[in-house]
C-alpha atoms as a PDB file:
ATOM      1  CA  MET A   1      -4.007 -11.600  13.644  1.00  0.00           C
ATOM      2  CA  MET A   2      -5.258 -13.325  10.526  1.00  0.00           C
ATOM      3  CA  SER A   3      -8.899 -13.069  11.666  1.00  0.00           C
ATOM      4  CA  ALA A   4      -8.915  -9.471  10.385  1.00  0.00           C
ATOM      5  CA  VAL A   5      -8.297 -10.794   6.862  1.00  0.00           C
ATOM      6  CA  ALA A   6     -11.837 -12.223   6.842  1.00  0.00           C
ATOM      7  CA  GLU A   7     -13.218  -8.688   7.219  1.00  0.00           C
ATOM      8  CA  ILE A   8     -11.525  -7.377   4.041  1.00  0.00           C
ATOM      9  CA  ASP A   9     -13.879  -6.718   1.129  1.00  0.00           C
ATOM     10  CA  TRP A  10     -12.117  -8.920  -1.440  1.00  0.00           C
ATOM     11  CA  ASN A  11     -14.637  -7.940  -4.151  1.00  0.00           C
ATOM     12  CA  ASP A  12     -13.489  -4.296  -4.140  1.00  0.00           C
ATOM     13  CA  ILE A  13     -10.140  -4.019  -5.952  1.00  0.00           C
ATOM     14  CA  CYS A  14      -9.375  -0.684  -4.251  1.00  0.00           C
ATOM     15  CA  VAL A  15      -9.446  -2.383  -0.861  1.00  0.00           C
ATOM     16  CA  ALA A  16      -8.297  -5.875  -1.787  1.00  0.00           C
ATOM     17  CA  PHE A  17      -5.122  -5.025  -3.739  1.00  0.00           C
ATOM     18  CA  PRO A  18      -3.421  -2.878  -1.059  1.00  0.00           C
ATOM     19  CA  ALA A  19      -4.424  -5.385   1.631  1.00  0.00           C
ATOM     20  CA  PHE A  20      -3.112  -8.341  -0.376  1.00  0.00           C
ATOM     21  CA  LEU A  21       0.105  -6.532  -1.243  1.00  0.00           C
ATOM     22  CA  THR A  22       0.705  -5.642   2.400  1.00  0.00           C
ATOM     23  CA  ILE A  23       0.026  -9.199   3.577  1.00  0.00           C
ATOM     24  CA  VAL A  24       2.392 -10.639   0.967  1.00  0.00           C
ATOM     25  CA  MET A  25       5.185  -8.060   1.196  1.00  0.00           C
ATOM     26  CA  ILE A  26       5.663  -8.214   4.970  1.00  0.00           C
ATOM     27  CA  PRO A  27       7.079 -11.771   4.922  1.00  0.00           C
ATOM     28  CA  LEU A  28       8.799 -11.356   1.546  1.00  0.00           C
ATOM     29  CA  THR A  29      10.749  -8.271   2.628  1.00  0.00           C
ATOM     30  CA  PHE A  30      11.246  -9.457   6.235  1.00  0.00           C
ATOM     31  CA  SER A  31      10.082  -5.993   7.296  1.00  0.00           C
ATOM     32  CA  ILE A  32       6.738  -4.806   8.589  1.00  0.00           C
ATOM     33  CA  ALA A  33       7.652  -1.234   7.636  1.00  0.00           C
ATOM     34  CA  ASN A  34       8.422  -2.110   4.012  1.00  0.00           C
ATOM     35  CA  GLY A  35       5.263  -4.211   3.724  1.00  0.00           C
ATOM     36  CA  LEU A  36       3.114  -1.386   5.049  1.00  0.00           C
ATOM     37  CA  ALA A  37       4.875   1.085   2.788  1.00  0.00           C
ATOM     38  CA  CYS A  38       4.068  -1.024  -0.280  1.00  0.00           C
ATOM     39  CA  GLY A  39       0.443  -1.207   0.831  1.00  0.00           C
ATOM     40  CA  ILE A  40       0.213   2.549   1.325  1.00  0.00           C
ATOM     41  CA  ILE A  41       1.812   3.248  -2.039  1.00  0.00           C
ATOM     42  CA  SER A  42      -0.578   0.837  -3.754  1.00  0.00           C
ATOM     43  CA  TYR A  43      -3.518   2.632  -2.135  1.00  0.00           C
ATOM     44  CA  ILE A  44      -3.139   5.107  -4.993  1.00  0.00           C
ATOM     45  CA  ILE A  45      -4.992   2.532  -7.130  1.00  0.00           C
ATOM     46  CA  HIS A  46      -8.073   4.594  -6.282  1.00  0.00           C
ATOM     47  CA  VAL A  47      -6.879   7.140  -8.852  1.00  0.00           C
ATOM     48  CA  ALA A  48      -6.697   4.534 -11.619  1.00  0.00           C
ATOM     49  CA  VAL A  49     -10.215   3.342 -10.844  1.00  0.00           C
ATOM     50  CA  GLY A  50     -11.570   6.893 -10.773  1.00  0.00           C
ATOM     51  CA  ARG A  51     -12.204   7.114  -7.041  1.00  0.00           C
ATOM     52  CA  GLY A  52      -9.272   9.395  -6.259  1.00  0.00           C
ATOM     53  CA  LYS A  53     -11.371  11.889  -4.311  1.00  0.00           C
ATOM     54  CA  GLN A  54     -12.077   9.235  -1.670  1.00  0.00           C
ATOM     55  CA  VAL A  55      -8.397   9.147  -0.698  1.00  0.00           C
ATOM     56  CA  PRO A  56      -7.335  11.699   1.930  1.00  0.00           C
ATOM     57  CA  LEU A  57      -4.636  14.186   0.979  1.00  0.00           C
ATOM     58  CA  ALA A  58      -2.414  12.805   3.740  1.00  0.00           C
ATOM     59  CA  ALA A  59      -2.397   9.393   2.027  1.00  0.00           C
ATOM     60  CA  TYR A  60      -1.108  10.975  -1.190  1.00  0.00           C
ATOM     61  CA  VAL A  61       1.601  12.860   0.698  1.00  0.00           C
ATOM     62  CA  LEU A  62       2.643   9.751   2.624  1.00  0.00           C
ATOM     63  CA  GLY A  63       2.606   7.610  -0.529  1.00  0.00           C
ATOM     64  CA  LEU A  64       4.776  10.122  -2.380  1.00  0.00           C
ATOM     65  CA  ALA A  65       7.226  10.321   0.530  1.00  0.00           C
ATOM     66  CA  LEU A  66       7.483   6.526   0.661  1.00  0.00           C
ATOM     67  CA  MET A  67       8.071   6.326  -3.108  1.00  0.00           C
ATOM     68  CA  VAL A  68      10.881   8.875  -2.794  1.00  0.00           C
ATOM     69  CA  ARG A  69      12.321   6.812   0.075  1.00  0.00           C
ATOM     70  CA  PHE A  70      12.359   3.632  -2.000  1.00  0.00           C
ATOM     71  CA  VAL A  71      13.842   5.381  -5.043  1.00  0.00           C
ATOM     72  CA  TYR A  72      16.537   6.943  -2.865  1.00  0.00           C
ATOM     73  CA  MET A  73      17.313   3.603  -1.204  1.00  0.00           C
ATOM     74  CA  GLY A  74      17.455   1.891  -4.593  1.00  0.00           C
ATOM     75  CA  SER A  75      19.849   4.450  -6.010  1.00  0.00           C
ATOM     76  CA  ARG A  76      22.360   3.857  -3.203  1.00  0.00           C
ATOM     77  CA  ALA A  77      24.329   0.835  -4.301  1.00  0.00           C
END
């Protein structure tokens, strides 16, 4: 599974940051779903870099839904 990591363009921050965050968060949260969710949410870094039009609308919708999920889960104590 780790052989796919060699194919990541580590010089492009828009690709490297979400990939790194996903790889790190899966073992830290003990959940593949939470790790992937963090990676999808961080995919919005394209907006900060000025490449927001390269991101599909579905990624924005999914990222927003995942953020709402985490906020809702965090508010339930």
